[in-house]
Amino acid sequence: MLSVETNAATPWPDALDWEGRAAEAVAAALALTPFAGLANAAPLVEVAVRLTDDVEVHRLNRDFRGKDKPTNVLSFPQVQQDLLEGLSNSDDGEILLGDIVLARETCAREAAEKGISLEDHATHLIVHGTLHLVGYDHMDDASAAAMEAIEVKALASLGIANPYADQD
């Protein structure tokens, strides 16, 4: 069973259902991967989504990635990629798939620059972060194209437009 735990460390717009949106985004992303079965696996499969600010994300980005600046989203996988396939058959009671951390100020600025809502942009970043948790990356053109295609499909299932459409 999939559980998405959302924690707002700093204020994000209160009018939005961040817990619901994060759960939808994680489920939509996983559903389009070879790890879709994790959503209904016997063990509890947890993803933690932390909504925070640029200060915290800057520190995490510096400490864990060696990049001394804030970024929009960070993902911290907790399961080695070669062990992901066996998780749905696990008899462990609970498995932490990983953490996704979003920076409010960077996300809000990017959303404004793109002319989209903060909720839609953050949802895209949660989908993106989820894919990183299950081994996807964008280190080369082919990997980036594959990851973007899944993101576009997951977002479409949530009623969100293709975030890459104007880049083509």
Protein backbone atom coordinates (compact mmCIF):
# COMPACT_ATOMS: atom_id res chain seq x y z
CA MET A 1 0.00 0.00 0.00
CA LEU A 2 1.25 3.47 -0.88
CA SER A 3 1.36 6.20 1.75
CA VAL A 4 2.43 9.76 0.99
CA GLU A 5 3.23 11.82 4.05
CA THR A 6 3.36 15.57 3.51
CA ASN A 7 5.01 18.00 5.90
CA ALA A 8 4.94 21.77 5.45
CA ALA A 9 7.98 23.08 7.28
CA THR A 10 7.23 26.63 6.16
CA PRO A 11 3.96 28.22 5.10
CA TRP A 12 2.77 27.32 1.62
CA PRO A 13 -0.56 28.68 0.34
CA ASP A 14 -3.17 27.33 2.76
CA ALA A 15 -6.02 27.19 0.25
CA LEU A 16 -4.45 24.23 -1.50
CA ASP A 17 -4.80 20.60 -0.44
CA TRP A 18 -1.08 19.83 -0.50
CA GLU A 19 -1.47 16.39 1.10
CA GLY A 20 -4.02 15.31 -1.48
CA ARG A 21 -2.11 16.79 -4.39
CA ALA A 22 1.17 15.17 -3.30
CA ALA A 23 -0.52 11.76 -2.95
CA GLU A 24 -2.09 12.09 -6.42
CA ALA A 25 1.21 13.15 -7.98
CA VAL A 26 3.21 10.30 -6.46
CA ALA A 27 0.57 7.72 -7.42
CA ALA A 28 0.30 9.09 -10.98
CA ALA A 29 4.06 8.92 -11.47
CA LEU A 30 4.46 5.42 -10.02
CA ALA A 31 1.56 4.10 -12.11
CA LEU A 32 3.53 4.74 -15.30
CA THR A 33 6.69 2.94 -14.22
CA PRO A 34 7.64 -0.72 -13.85
CA PHE A 35 7.11 -0.14 -10.11
CA ALA A 36 3.36 0.52 -10.35
CA GLY A 37 2.74 -2.55 -8.17
CA LEU A 38 4.21 -0.73 -5.18
CA ALA A 39 0.96 1.21 -4.80
CA ASN A 40 -0.83 -2.03 -3.86
CA ALA A 41 2.08 -3.97 -2.34
CA ALA A 42 1.68 -5.82 0.93
CA PRO A 43 4.18 -3.68 2.82
CA LEU A 44 3.42 -0.03 3.44
CA VAL A 45 5.47 1.90 0.86
CA GLU A 46 5.99 5.46 2.04
CA VAL A 47 7.09 8.60 0.24
CA ALA A 48 7.72 11.71 2.31
CA VAL A 49 7.11 15.11 0.71
CA ARG A 50 8.53 18.12 2.53
CA LEU A 51 7.33 21.58 1.58
CA THR A 52 9.90 24.05 2.80
CA ASP A 53 11.81 27.17 1.79
CA ASP A 54 14.86 28.14 -0.24
CA VAL A 55 17.04 28.35 2.88
CA GLU A 56 16.53 24.69 3.81
CA VAL A 57 16.78 23.45 0.22
CA HIS A 58 19.94 25.52 -0.32
CA ARG A 59 21.52 23.83 2.73
CA LEU A 60 20.45 20.35 1.60
CA ASN A 61 21.65 20.99 -1.96
CA ARG A 62 25.03 22.17 -0.64
CA ASP A 63 25.45 19.40 1.91
CA PHE A 64 24.27 16.46 -0.22
CA ARG A 65 24.96 17.51 -3.81
CA GLY A 66 27.84 19.99 -3.43
CA LYS A 67 25.79 22.74 -5.14
CA ASP A 68 25.79 25.96 -3.13
CA LYS A 69 22.42 27.31 -4.23
CA PRO A 70 18.73 26.57 -3.78
CA THR A 71 16.90 24.48 -6.35
CA ASN A 72 13.23 23.72 -6.94
CA VAL A 73 13.14 20.05 -5.89
CA LEU A 74 15.47 17.50 -4.35
CA SER A 75 14.91 13.75 -4.16
CA PHE A 76 16.52 11.43 -1.67
CA PRO A 77 15.96 7.77 -2.63
CA GLN A 78 16.09 5.38 0.32
CA VAL A 79 16.08 2.13 -1.66
CA GLN A 80 18.94 1.05 -3.89
CA GLN A 81 17.87 0.89 -7.52
CA ASP A 82 18.75 -2.81 -7.85
CA LEU A 83 16.42 -3.65 -4.94
CA LEU A 84 13.34 -1.81 -6.23
CA GLU A 85 11.91 -4.72 -8.24
CA GLY A 86 11.67 -7.02 -5.23
CA LEU A 87 9.87 -4.55 -2.98
CA SER A 88 6.35 -5.53 -3.97
CA ASN A 89 7.11 -9.09 -2.80
CA SER A 90 8.67 -7.97 0.46
CA ASP A 91 7.29 -9.06 3.79
CA ASP A 92 8.70 -6.00 5.54
CA GLY A 93 5.99 -4.02 7.27
CA GLU A 94 7.08 -0.63 6.01
CA ILE A 95 9.43 0.61 3.31
CA LEU A 96 10.51 4.23 2.96
CA LEU A 97 10.92 4.75 -0.77
CA GLY A 98 12.40 8.19 -0.23
CA ASP A 99 11.98 11.89 0.40
CA ILE A 100 11.06 14.73 -1.95
CA VAL A 101 11.79 18.29 -0.84
CA LEU A 102 10.40 21.43 -2.54
CA ALA A 103 11.54 25.04 -2.06
CA ARG A 104 8.61 27.46 -1.90
CA GLU A 105 10.29 30.62 -3.17
CA THR A 106 12.01 28.92 -6.12
CA CYS A 107 8.83 27.03 -7.06
CA ALA A 108 6.72 30.19 -6.83
CA ARG A 109 9.18 32.21 -8.94
CA GLU A 110 9.37 29.49 -11.60
CA ALA A 111 5.59 29.13 -11.70
CA ALA A 112 5.19 32.88 -12.17
CA GLU A 113 7.82 32.89 -14.93
CA LYS A 114 5.98 30.07 -16.72
CA GLY A 115 2.57 31.66 -16.17
CA ILE A 116 1.19 28.60 -14.36
CA SER A 117 -0.18 28.01 -10.88
CA LEU A 118 2.11 27.13 -8.00
CA GLU A 119 -0.01 24.00 -7.41
CA ASP A 120 0.51 22.74 -10.98
CA HIS A 121 4.23 23.48 -10.94
CA ALA A 122 4.72 21.84 -7.53
CA THR A 123 2.72 18.84 -8.73
CA HIS A 124 5.05 18.51 -11.72
CA LEU A 125 8.05 18.66 -9.40
CA ILE A 126 6.58 15.98 -7.11
CA VAL A 127 6.03 13.74 -10.16
CA HIS A 128 9.61 14.48 -11.24
CA GLY A 129 10.94 13.74 -7.75
CA THR A 130 9.00 10.48 -7.54
CA LEU A 131 10.58 9.29 -10.77
CA HIS A 132 14.01 9.99 -9.29
CA LEU A 133 13.07 7.85 -6.27
CA VAL A 134 12.56 4.86 -8.57
CA GLY A 135 15.74 5.31 -10.58
CA TYR A 136 14.88 7.68 -13.43
CA ASP A 137 17.29 10.48 -14.29
CA HIS A 138 17.95 13.07 -16.96
CA MET A 139 21.72 12.84 -17.27
CA ASP A 140 21.63 12.36 -21.05
CA ASP A 141 19.19 13.22 -23.84
CA ALA A 142 17.64 9.75 -24.07
CA SER A 143 17.10 9.48 -20.29
CA ALA A 144 15.71 13.00 -20.15
CA ALA A 145 13.27 12.31 -23.00
CA ALA A 146 12.05 9.09 -21.36
CA MET A 147 11.59 10.80 -18.00
CA GLU A 148 9.81 13.80 -19.55
CA ALA A 149 7.43 11.51 -21.45
CA ILE A 150 6.35 9.85 -18.20
CA GLU A 151 5.99 13.21 -16.50
CA VAL A 152 3.75 14.51 -19.32
CA LYS A 153 1.51 11.41 -19.12
CA ALA A 154 1.30 11.53 -15.33
CA LEU A 155 0.44 15.23 -15.36
CA ALA A 156 -2.16 14.74 -18.10
CA SER A 157 -3.85 12.12 -15.90
CA LEU A 158 -4.15 14.88 -13.28
CA GLY A 159 -5.49 17.43 -15.75
CA ILE A 160 -2.25 19.41 -15.96
CA ALA A 161 -0.89 20.64 -19.27
CA ASN A 162 2.43 19.51 -20.74
CA PRO A 163 5.08 21.62 -18.98
CA TYR A 164 7.51 21.03 -21.84
CA ALA A 165 5.14 22.02 -24.67
CA ASP A 166 6.58 25.50 -25.20
CA GLN A 167 10.14 24.14 -25.22
CA ASP A 168 9.63 21.96 -28.32
